[in-house]
Amino acid sequence: MKTFSGGGVTLGVLTNGIAVPGWYRFYAPAPNDNTIRSIFTTDGATWTLDSGARLTIDVTSGKESWSIKEPAVVRLSDGTYFMVYSTAIP
C-alpha cells in the first residue's frame, strides 16, 4: 500500500483506471475509512490524490455491512461514468 499526500489517506491496490484527455485517473479502496478514492496523473510518475471520496460505504441501507473494494469504472457513450464494486452483504 502507498500513502498519498492530501490527508495521509492509505490506498489499497489500484484496480481500475480510465484515460481522460491529458491525464489518467485510477480508483482504489481506502480501507482506513471504508471509501473508494481516486488519484490522477499526467505523466505516470507523479500522482495526486483527489479530494473527497468517490464512494462511501452506507451501512444504514442494509446492503453493505463493512467493506467496499475492487472498484471498476467505465465511461459511457453519453460521457457519464459508471462504477461497480465489491462489498460485504450482511
Protein backbone atom coordinates (compact mmCIF):
# COMPACT_ATOMS: atom_id res chain seq x y z
CA MET A 1 0.00 0.00 0.00
CA LYS A 2 1.05 3.58 -0.58
CA THR A 3 0.14 6.66 1.39
CA PHE A 4 -0.65 9.67 -0.75
CA SER A 5 -0.40 13.28 0.41
CA GLY A 6 -3.51 15.32 0.95
CA GLY A 7 -4.76 13.92 4.22
CA GLY A 8 -2.47 10.90 4.59
CA VAL A 9 -5.03 8.54 3.04
CA THR A 10 -3.77 4.99 2.59
CA LEU A 11 -4.99 3.41 -0.62
CA GLY A 12 -5.27 -0.28 -1.44
CA VAL A 13 -4.43 -1.78 -4.82
CA LEU A 14 -5.28 0.41 -7.81
CA THR A 15 -7.78 -1.79 -9.57
CA ASN A 16 -9.05 0.30 -12.47
CA GLY A 17 -8.04 3.36 -14.42
CA ILE A 18 -9.53 5.47 -17.15
CA ALA A 19 -7.90 7.69 -19.75
CA VAL A 20 -9.15 11.24 -19.94
CA PRO A 21 -7.62 13.68 -22.46
CA GLY A 22 -4.30 14.78 -20.97
CA TRP A 23 -4.30 12.54 -17.87
CA TYR A 24 -5.31 9.25 -16.24
CA ARG A 25 -7.48 8.65 -13.18
CA PHE A 26 -7.28 5.49 -11.08
CA TYR A 27 -9.61 4.24 -8.35
CA ALA A 28 -8.74 2.34 -5.18
CA PRO A 29 -10.28 1.41 -1.84
CA ALA A 30 -9.19 3.37 1.23
CA PRO A 31 -9.57 0.72 3.93
CA ASN A 32 -8.93 3.13 6.79
CA ASP A 33 -12.22 4.94 6.15
CA ASN A 34 -14.29 2.47 4.03
CA THR A 35 -14.35 4.68 0.95
CA ILE A 36 -13.27 4.47 -2.65
CA ARG A 37 -10.93 7.29 -3.60
CA SER A 38 -9.32 8.39 -6.84
CA ILE A 39 -5.90 9.63 -7.85
CA PHE A 40 -4.72 11.11 -11.13
CA THR A 41 -1.52 11.57 -13.11
CA THR A 42 -0.45 13.37 -16.26
CA ASP A 43 2.90 11.62 -16.62
CA GLY A 44 2.61 8.24 -14.86
CA ALA A 45 5.25 9.26 -12.31
CA THR A 46 3.60 11.99 -10.23
CA TRP A 47 0.27 11.10 -8.64
CA THR A 48 -2.21 13.43 -6.93
CA LEU A 49 -4.97 12.30 -4.58
CA ASP A 50 -8.35 13.81 -5.48
CA SER A 51 -10.13 15.47 -2.59
CA GLY A 52 -13.08 13.63 -1.08
CA ALA A 53 -14.38 10.13 -1.63
CA ARG A 54 -15.89 8.83 -4.86
CA LEU A 55 -17.99 6.32 -2.90
CA THR A 56 -18.66 5.92 0.82
CA ILE A 57 -20.00 2.78 2.46
CA ASP A 58 -23.63 3.02 3.55
CA VAL A 59 -24.25 0.59 6.41
CA THR A 60 -27.71 2.10 7.04
CA SER A 61 -29.09 0.72 3.78
CA GLY A 62 -28.74 -2.91 4.89
CA LYS A 63 -27.00 -3.71 1.60
CA GLU A 64 -23.41 -3.16 2.75
CA SER A 65 -22.01 -4.24 6.09
CA TRP A 66 -18.32 -3.42 6.41
CA SER A 67 -16.34 -3.32 3.17
CA ILE A 68 -16.24 -1.70 -0.24
CA LYS A 69 -13.40 -2.58 -2.62
CA GLU A 70 -12.35 -3.52 -6.16
CA PRO A 71 -13.87 -0.54 -7.98
CA ALA A 72 -14.17 -0.65 -11.75
CA VAL A 73 -15.17 2.45 -13.72
CA VAL A 74 -16.09 2.88 -17.38
CA ARG A 75 -17.03 5.94 -19.37
CA LEU A 76 -20.39 5.55 -21.10
CA SER A 77 -21.20 6.80 -24.60
CA ASP A 78 -23.11 9.77 -23.17
CA GLY A 79 -19.99 10.97 -21.30
CA THR A 80 -21.11 9.86 -17.83
CA TYR A 81 -19.25 7.31 -15.71
CA PHE A 82 -20.46 4.02 -14.26
CA MET A 83 -18.83 2.32 -11.25
CA VAL A 84 -19.25 -1.22 -9.97
CA TYR A 85 -17.55 -2.51 -6.81
CA SER A 86 -17.43 -5.40 -4.36
CA THR A 87 -19.00 -5.18 -0.93
CA ALA A 88 -19.80 -7.40 2.04
CA ILE A 89 -23.54 -8.06 2.14
CA PRO A 90 -24.98 -8.82 5.57
